[in-house]
């Protein structure tokens, strides 16, 4: 039972870290800056994946519409709504170029 509580607590901390966008922080406007602002903590500086999966070669995995939906709605442990609609479009285009 103790292990369940530890796993639950660590999962909550992980999710809090992945969604640690602060309202007071100045939000960048370019794809790379927005990625670093809202995605880097889970997906890594080089898109290699950390707590979240790698986000390399996204063009081979998703269409622009699918990736945009994923960013807006979230999937699995990744919460949606971390970026505005316009920011999500910017990051989608940037990721598809990587």
N, C-alpha and C. Protein backbone atom coordinates (compact mmCIF):
# COMPACT_ATOMS: atom_id res chain seq x y z
N UNK A 1 0.83 -1.20 0.00
CA UNK A 1 0.00 0.00 0.00
C UNK A 1 0.87 1.26 0.00
N UNK A 2 1.96 1.19 0.73
CA UNK A 2 2.86 2.33 0.80
C UNK A 2 3.44 2.65 -0.58
N UNK A 3 3.75 1.60 -1.36
CA UNK A 3 4.30 1.80 -2.70
C UNK A 3 3.31 2.51 -3.60
N UNK A 4 2.04 2.18 -3.48
CA UNK A 4 1.01 2.83 -4.29
C UNK A 4 1.00 4.33 -4.02
N UNK A 5 1.07 4.70 -2.75
CA UNK A 5 1.06 6.12 -2.38
C UNK A 5 2.31 6.83 -2.90
N UNK A 6 3.43 6.16 -2.85
CA UNK A 6 4.68 6.76 -3.36
C UNK A 6 4.59 6.97 -4.86
N UNK A 7 4.11 5.95 -5.59
CA UNK A 7 3.95 6.07 -7.04
C UNK A 7 2.97 7.18 -7.38
N UNK A 8 1.87 7.25 -6.66
CA UNK A 8 0.88 8.30 -6.88
C UNK A 8 1.48 9.68 -6.63
N UNK A 9 2.20 9.84 -5.55
CA UNK A 9 2.81 11.13 -5.23
C UNK A 9 3.83 11.53 -6.29
N UNK A 10 4.66 10.59 -6.72
CA UNK A 10 5.65 10.89 -7.76
C UNK A 10 4.99 11.24 -9.08
N UNK A 11 3.92 10.55 -9.41
CA UNK A 11 3.19 10.86 -10.65
C UNK A 11 2.61 12.27 -10.62
N UNK A 12 2.06 12.65 -9.49
CA UNK A 12 1.51 14.01 -9.36
C UNK A 12 2.60 15.06 -9.48
N UNK A 13 3.74 14.81 -8.88
CA UNK A 13 4.87 15.74 -8.99
C UNK A 13 5.34 15.85 -10.43
N UNK A 14 5.40 14.72 -11.12
CA UNK A 14 5.80 14.70 -12.52
C UNK A 14 4.85 15.52 -13.36
N UNK A 15 3.56 15.32 -13.18
CA UNK A 15 2.57 16.08 -13.94
C UNK A 15 2.66 17.56 -13.63
N UNK A 16 2.87 17.90 -12.39
CA UNK A 16 3.00 19.31 -12.02
C UNK A 16 4.21 19.93 -12.70
N UNK A 17 5.29 19.18 -12.80
CA UNK A 17 6.50 19.69 -13.46
C UNK A 17 6.30 19.87 -14.95
N UNK A 18 5.55 18.98 -15.58
CA UNK A 18 5.31 19.08 -17.02
C UNK A 18 4.38 20.23 -17.35
N UNK A 19 3.55 20.62 -16.41
CA UNK A 19 2.59 21.68 -16.66
C UNK A 19 2.96 22.93 -15.88
N UNK A 20 4.24 23.20 -15.73
CA UNK A 20 4.67 24.28 -14.86
C UNK A 20 4.77 25.62 -15.57
N UNK A 21 3.89 25.90 -16.49
CA UNK A 21 3.84 27.22 -17.12
C UNK A 21 3.27 28.20 -16.11
N UNK A 22 3.98 29.27 -15.89
CA UNK A 22 3.48 30.26 -14.95
C UNK A 22 2.87 31.42 -15.72
N UNK A 23 1.81 31.96 -15.19
CA UNK A 23 1.11 33.06 -15.86
C UNK A 23 1.99 34.31 -15.91
N UNK A 24 2.92 34.44 -14.97
CA UNK A 24 3.76 35.63 -14.90
C UNK A 24 4.94 35.59 -15.87
N UNK A 25 5.31 34.41 -16.34
CA UNK A 25 6.46 34.30 -17.22
C UNK A 25 6.11 34.86 -18.61
N UNK A 26 7.09 35.50 -19.23
CA UNK A 26 6.89 36.03 -20.58
C UNK A 26 6.92 34.87 -21.54
N UNK A 27 5.85 34.74 -22.30
CA UNK A 27 5.72 33.63 -23.23
C UNK A 27 6.37 34.00 -24.56
N UNK A 28 7.24 33.13 -25.09
CA UNK A 28 7.83 33.39 -26.40
C UNK A 28 6.79 33.25 -27.50
N UNK A 29 7.14 33.68 -28.69
CA UNK A 29 6.20 33.64 -29.81
C UNK A 29 6.63 32.67 -30.91
N UNK A 30 7.89 32.21 -30.89
CA UNK A 30 8.37 31.30 -31.93
C UNK A 30 8.21 29.85 -31.48
N UNK A 31 8.22 28.93 -32.45
CA UNK A 31 8.01 27.52 -32.16
C UNK A 31 9.02 26.94 -31.20
N UNK A 32 10.30 27.22 -31.42
CA UNK A 32 11.34 26.68 -30.55
C UNK A 32 11.20 27.25 -29.14
N UNK A 33 10.95 28.54 -29.04
CA UNK A 33 10.79 29.16 -27.73
C UNK A 33 9.57 28.62 -26.98
N UNK A 34 8.47 28.44 -27.70
CA UNK A 34 7.27 27.88 -27.07
C UNK A 34 7.49 26.44 -26.64
N UNK A 35 8.22 25.66 -27.46
CA UNK A 35 8.57 24.30 -27.08
C UNK A 35 9.36 24.31 -25.78
N UNK A 36 10.38 25.17 -25.71
CA UNK A 36 11.21 25.26 -24.50
C UNK A 36 10.38 25.70 -23.31
N UNK A 37 9.43 26.58 -23.54
CA UNK A 37 8.59 27.12 -22.47
C UNK A 37 7.61 26.08 -21.92
N UNK A 38 6.98 25.31 -22.81
CA UNK A 38 5.91 24.45 -22.35
C UNK A 38 6.11 22.96 -22.50
N UNK A 39 7.13 22.52 -23.24
CA UNK A 39 7.25 21.10 -23.58
C UNK A 39 8.58 20.48 -23.14
N UNK A 40 9.62 21.29 -23.06
CA UNK A 40 10.97 20.82 -22.81
C UNK A 40 11.09 19.98 -21.54
N UNK A 41 10.40 20.36 -20.48
CA UNK A 41 10.57 19.66 -19.20
C UNK A 41 10.16 18.19 -19.29
N UNK A 42 9.27 17.84 -20.19
CA UNK A 42 8.85 16.45 -20.35
C UNK A 42 9.43 15.77 -21.59
N UNK A 43 9.69 16.55 -22.64
CA UNK A 43 10.13 15.95 -23.90
C UNK A 43 11.59 16.18 -24.22
N UNK A 44 12.31 16.89 -23.37
CA UNK A 44 13.75 17.04 -23.51
C UNK A 44 14.19 18.17 -24.42
N UNK A 45 15.38 18.67 -24.14
CA UNK A 45 15.94 19.79 -24.89
C UNK A 45 16.18 19.44 -26.35
N UNK A 46 16.55 18.19 -26.60
CA UNK A 46 16.83 17.75 -27.98
C UNK A 46 15.73 16.86 -28.53
N UNK A 47 14.51 17.03 -27.99
CA UNK A 47 13.33 16.27 -28.43
C UNK A 47 13.45 14.78 -28.13
N UNK A 48 14.42 14.41 -27.28
CA UNK A 48 14.74 13.01 -27.05
C UNK A 48 13.81 12.30 -26.08
N UNK A 49 12.97 13.05 -25.39
CA UNK A 49 12.07 12.46 -24.41
C UNK A 49 12.72 12.38 -23.05
N UNK A 50 11.96 12.70 -22.04
CA UNK A 50 12.39 12.56 -20.64
C UNK A 50 11.26 11.83 -19.93
N UNK A 51 10.42 12.58 -19.25
CA UNK A 51 9.23 11.99 -18.62
C UNK A 51 8.21 11.62 -19.69
N UNK A 52 8.22 12.37 -20.78
CA UNK A 52 7.34 12.10 -21.91
C UNK A 52 8.13 11.43 -23.03
N UNK A 53 7.46 10.98 -24.05
CA UNK A 53 8.15 10.29 -25.16
C UNK A 53 8.94 11.26 -26.03
N UNK A 54 9.86 10.73 -26.83
CA UNK A 54 10.57 11.58 -27.79
C UNK A 54 9.59 12.18 -28.79
N UNK A 55 9.91 13.36 -29.27
CA UNK A 55 9.06 14.02 -30.25
C UNK A 55 9.87 14.33 -31.52
N UNK A 56 10.68 13.37 -31.90
CA UNK A 56 11.47 13.49 -33.13
C UNK A 56 10.69 12.88 -34.28
N UNK A 57 10.97 13.33 -35.49
CA UNK A 57 10.39 12.78 -36.71
C UNK A 57 8.85 12.76 -36.66
N UNK A 58 8.27 13.83 -36.16
CA UNK A 58 6.82 13.89 -36.00
C UNK A 58 6.09 13.88 -37.34
N UNK A 59 6.74 14.39 -38.38
CA UNK A 59 6.10 14.43 -39.71
C UNK A 59 5.79 13.03 -40.22
N UNK A 60 6.62 12.06 -39.84
CA UNK A 60 6.40 10.67 -40.26
C UNK A 60 5.30 9.99 -39.43
N UNK A 61 4.98 10.58 -38.29
CA UNK A 61 4.02 9.96 -37.38
C UNK A 61 2.62 10.57 -37.45
N UNK A 62 2.56 11.89 -37.70
CA UNK A 62 1.30 12.61 -37.61
C UNK A 62 1.13 13.60 -38.76
N UNK A 63 -0.10 13.83 -39.13
CA UNK A 63 -0.40 14.94 -40.04
C UNK A 63 -0.41 16.21 -39.19
N UNK A 64 -0.43 17.35 -39.84
CA UNK A 64 -0.48 18.62 -39.10
C UNK A 64 -1.73 18.69 -38.23
N UNK A 65 -2.86 18.24 -38.76
CA UNK A 65 -4.12 18.28 -38.02
C UNK A 65 -4.08 17.35 -36.81
N UNK A 66 -3.52 16.15 -36.97
CA UNK A 66 -3.42 15.19 -35.87
C UNK A 66 -2.53 15.72 -34.75
N UNK A 67 -1.39 16.29 -35.13
CA UNK A 67 -0.47 16.81 -34.12
C UNK A 67 -1.07 18.00 -33.40
N UNK A 68 -1.75 18.87 -34.12
CA UNK A 68 -2.41 20.02 -33.51
C UNK A 68 -3.48 19.55 -32.51
N UNK A 69 -4.25 18.56 -32.88
CA UNK A 69 -5.27 18.00 -31.98
C UNK A 69 -4.62 17.42 -30.73
N UNK A 70 -3.51 16.71 -30.91
CA UNK A 70 -2.80 16.12 -29.78
C UNK A 70 -2.33 17.21 -28.82
N UNK A 71 -1.77 18.29 -29.36
CA UNK A 71 -1.30 19.39 -28.50
C UNK A 71 -2.46 20.08 -27.78
N UNK A 72 -3.55 20.26 -28.47
CA UNK A 72 -4.69 20.96 -27.87
C UNK A 72 -5.44 20.10 -26.87
N UNK A 73 -5.63 18.81 -27.19
CA UNK A 73 -6.45 17.94 -26.35
C UNK A 73 -5.66 17.12 -25.35
N UNK A 74 -4.37 16.92 -25.61
CA UNK A 74 -3.57 16.06 -24.76
C UNK A 74 -3.81 14.60 -25.12
N UNK A 75 -2.99 13.73 -24.54
CA UNK A 75 -3.12 12.29 -24.76
C UNK A 75 -2.39 11.58 -23.63
N UNK A 76 -2.95 10.49 -23.15
CA UNK A 76 -2.31 9.76 -22.07
C UNK A 76 -2.08 10.66 -20.87
N UNK A 77 -0.83 10.72 -20.40
CA UNK A 77 -0.50 11.56 -19.25
C UNK A 77 -0.21 13.00 -19.64
N UNK A 78 -0.15 13.29 -20.95
CA UNK A 78 0.11 14.66 -21.38
C UNK A 78 -1.20 15.45 -21.35
N UNK A 79 -1.22 16.50 -20.55
CA UNK A 79 -2.45 17.31 -20.50
C UNK A 79 -2.58 18.19 -21.73
N UNK A 80 -3.78 18.46 -22.14
CA UNK A 80 -4.04 19.39 -23.21
C UNK A 80 -4.14 20.80 -22.66
N UNK A 81 -4.18 21.76 -23.53
CA UNK A 81 -4.40 23.14 -23.11
C UNK A 81 -3.21 23.83 -22.49
N UNK A 82 -2.01 23.27 -22.64
CA UNK A 82 -0.83 23.93 -22.08
C UNK A 82 -0.45 25.16 -22.91
N UNK A 83 -0.87 25.15 -24.16
CA UNK A 83 -0.60 26.26 -25.08
C UNK A 83 -1.93 26.79 -25.59
N UNK A 84 -1.93 28.05 -25.98
CA UNK A 84 -3.12 28.60 -26.63
C UNK A 84 -3.25 27.94 -28.01
N UNK A 85 -4.38 28.12 -28.64
CA UNK A 85 -4.60 27.56 -29.98
C UNK A 85 -3.53 28.06 -30.95
N UNK A 86 -3.25 29.35 -30.92
CA UNK A 86 -2.26 29.93 -31.82
C UNK A 86 -0.86 29.41 -31.51
N UNK A 87 -0.53 29.30 -30.22
CA UNK A 87 0.78 28.76 -29.83
C UNK A 87 0.91 27.30 -30.27
N UNK A 88 -0.15 26.52 -30.12
CA UNK A 88 -0.14 25.12 -30.53
C UNK A 88 0.10 25.00 -32.03
N UNK A 89 -0.49 25.90 -32.82
CA UNK A 89 -0.25 25.90 -34.27
C UNK A 89 1.22 26.18 -34.57
N UNK A 90 1.79 27.12 -33.86
CA UNK A 90 3.19 27.49 -34.05
C UNK A 90 4.11 26.32 -33.70
N UNK A 91 3.86 25.67 -32.58
CA UNK A 91 4.69 24.53 -32.16
C UNK A 91 4.49 23.36 -33.11
N UNK A 92 3.28 23.15 -33.57
CA UNK A 92 3.00 22.06 -34.51
C UNK A 92 3.85 22.22 -35.76
N UNK A 93 3.84 23.41 -36.34
CA UNK A 93 4.61 23.67 -37.55
C UNK A 93 6.11 23.47 -37.29
N UNK A 94 6.57 23.94 -36.13
CA UNK A 94 7.99 23.80 -35.77
C UNK A 94 8.37 22.32 -35.62
N UNK A 95 7.55 21.55 -34.90
CA UNK A 95 7.83 20.13 -34.68
C UNK A 95 7.84 19.35 -36.00
N UNK A 96 6.95 19.69 -36.91
CA UNK A 96 6.90 18.99 -38.19
C UNK A 96 8.12 19.26 -39.06
N UNK A 97 8.84 20.33 -38.77
CA UNK A 97 10.08 20.65 -39.50
C UNK A 97 11.29 19.96 -38.91
N UNK A 98 11.18 19.42 -37.71
CA UNK A 98 12.30 18.77 -37.03
C UNK A 98 12.47 17.35 -37.47
